[in-house]
């Protein structure tokens, strides 16, 4: 079993994001650096999440998942992302 020192912090982040975003619709998104989108273009990513509803926020290992009501997830590595900015 691997123990991640940042696990309690990631659980706290997921909890705070859940409190704020569960049930909220994503109205729009911007990608400022295409390198952070893995496996698709920024345009495809934006069109894939726009108008989707966040059903829950969880953590899985080193990642925070914004789970969408459609069954997909936005997977974030907070150590690489740095800060979250919500507008």
Protein backbone atom coordinates (compact mmCIF):
# COMPACT_ATOMS: atom_id res chain seq x y z
CA UNK A 1 0.00 0.00 0.00
CA UNK A 2 1.35 3.39 -1.02
CA UNK A 3 0.87 6.21 1.47
CA UNK A 4 0.62 9.66 -0.04
CA UNK A 5 1.68 12.46 2.32
CA UNK A 6 -0.63 14.92 0.57
CA UNK A 7 -3.71 12.67 0.84
CA UNK A 8 -5.39 14.57 3.73
CA UNK A 9 -4.92 17.83 1.85
CA UNK A 10 -6.40 16.35 -1.34
CA UNK A 11 -9.38 15.04 0.60
CA UNK A 12 -9.89 18.51 2.06
CA UNK A 13 -9.69 20.10 -1.40
CA UNK A 14 -12.22 17.61 -2.81
CA UNK A 15 -14.57 18.25 0.12
CA UNK A 16 -14.38 22.03 -0.31
CA UNK A 17 -14.93 21.76 -4.06
CA UNK A 18 -17.93 19.46 -3.47
CA UNK A 19 -19.47 21.94 -1.06
CA UNK A 20 -19.19 24.69 -3.62
CA UNK A 21 -19.85 22.91 -6.93
CA UNK A 22 -22.08 19.87 -6.52
CA UNK A 23 -25.11 20.42 -8.73
CA UNK A 24 -23.60 23.44 -10.52
CA UNK A 25 -23.53 23.75 -14.29
CA UNK A 26 -20.28 24.63 -16.09
CA UNK A 27 -21.20 27.68 -18.15
CA UNK A 28 -17.84 28.19 -19.85
CA UNK A 29 -14.16 27.34 -19.59
CA UNK A 30 -10.83 28.71 -20.77
CA UNK A 31 -7.60 26.82 -21.40
CA UNK A 32 -4.59 29.08 -20.98
CA UNK A 33 -1.98 26.39 -21.69
CA UNK A 34 -2.79 23.51 -24.05
CA UNK A 35 -0.13 21.34 -22.37
CA UNK A 36 -2.44 20.77 -19.38
CA UNK A 37 -5.08 19.08 -21.54
CA UNK A 38 -4.09 15.46 -22.10
CA UNK A 39 -5.36 13.55 -25.12
CA UNK A 40 -7.51 16.23 -26.74
CA UNK A 41 -7.50 19.75 -28.09
CA UNK A 42 -8.53 22.66 -25.90
CA UNK A 43 -11.58 23.27 -28.12
CA UNK A 44 -12.72 19.66 -27.73
CA UNK A 45 -12.17 19.81 -23.96
CA UNK A 46 -14.13 23.05 -23.61
CA UNK A 47 -17.02 21.82 -25.74
CA UNK A 48 -17.03 18.53 -23.81
CA UNK A 49 -17.51 20.17 -20.41
CA UNK A 50 -19.60 23.23 -21.25
CA UNK A 51 -23.20 22.94 -19.99
CA UNK A 52 -22.37 19.80 -17.97
CA UNK A 53 -23.32 19.54 -14.30
CA UNK A 54 -20.79 18.64 -11.60
CA UNK A 55 -22.27 15.77 -9.60
CA UNK A 56 -19.44 15.32 -7.09
CA UNK A 57 -15.81 16.09 -6.36
CA UNK A 58 -13.60 13.28 -5.10
CA UNK A 59 -9.95 12.42 -4.85
CA UNK A 60 -8.21 9.36 -6.26
CA UNK A 61 -4.59 9.05 -5.28
CA UNK A 62 -2.81 12.24 -6.34
CA UNK A 63 -5.76 13.47 -8.38
CA UNK A 64 -8.91 15.48 -7.74
CA UNK A 65 -11.87 14.42 -9.89
CA UNK A 66 -14.73 16.70 -10.83
CA UNK A 67 -17.32 14.06 -11.69
CA UNK A 68 -19.90 15.10 -14.24
CA UNK A 69 -23.54 14.05 -14.25
CA UNK A 70 -23.00 12.64 -17.75
CA UNK A 71 -20.54 10.08 -16.41
CA UNK A 72 -17.28 11.75 -17.39
CA UNK A 73 -14.75 13.41 -15.09
CA UNK A 74 -12.34 16.31 -15.18
CA UNK A 75 -9.15 14.94 -13.64
CA UNK A 76 -6.79 17.45 -12.01
CA UNK A 77 -3.34 16.92 -10.56
CA UNK A 78 -3.21 19.76 -8.00
CA UNK A 79 0.54 19.44 -7.61
CA UNK A 80 0.93 20.33 -11.29
CA UNK A 81 -2.00 22.72 -11.49
CA UNK A 82 -0.83 24.90 -8.64
CA UNK A 83 -3.89 26.97 -7.80
CA UNK A 84 -7.57 26.72 -8.55
CA UNK A 85 -9.23 29.89 -9.80
CA UNK A 86 -12.99 29.96 -9.76
CA UNK A 87 -14.95 32.64 -11.53
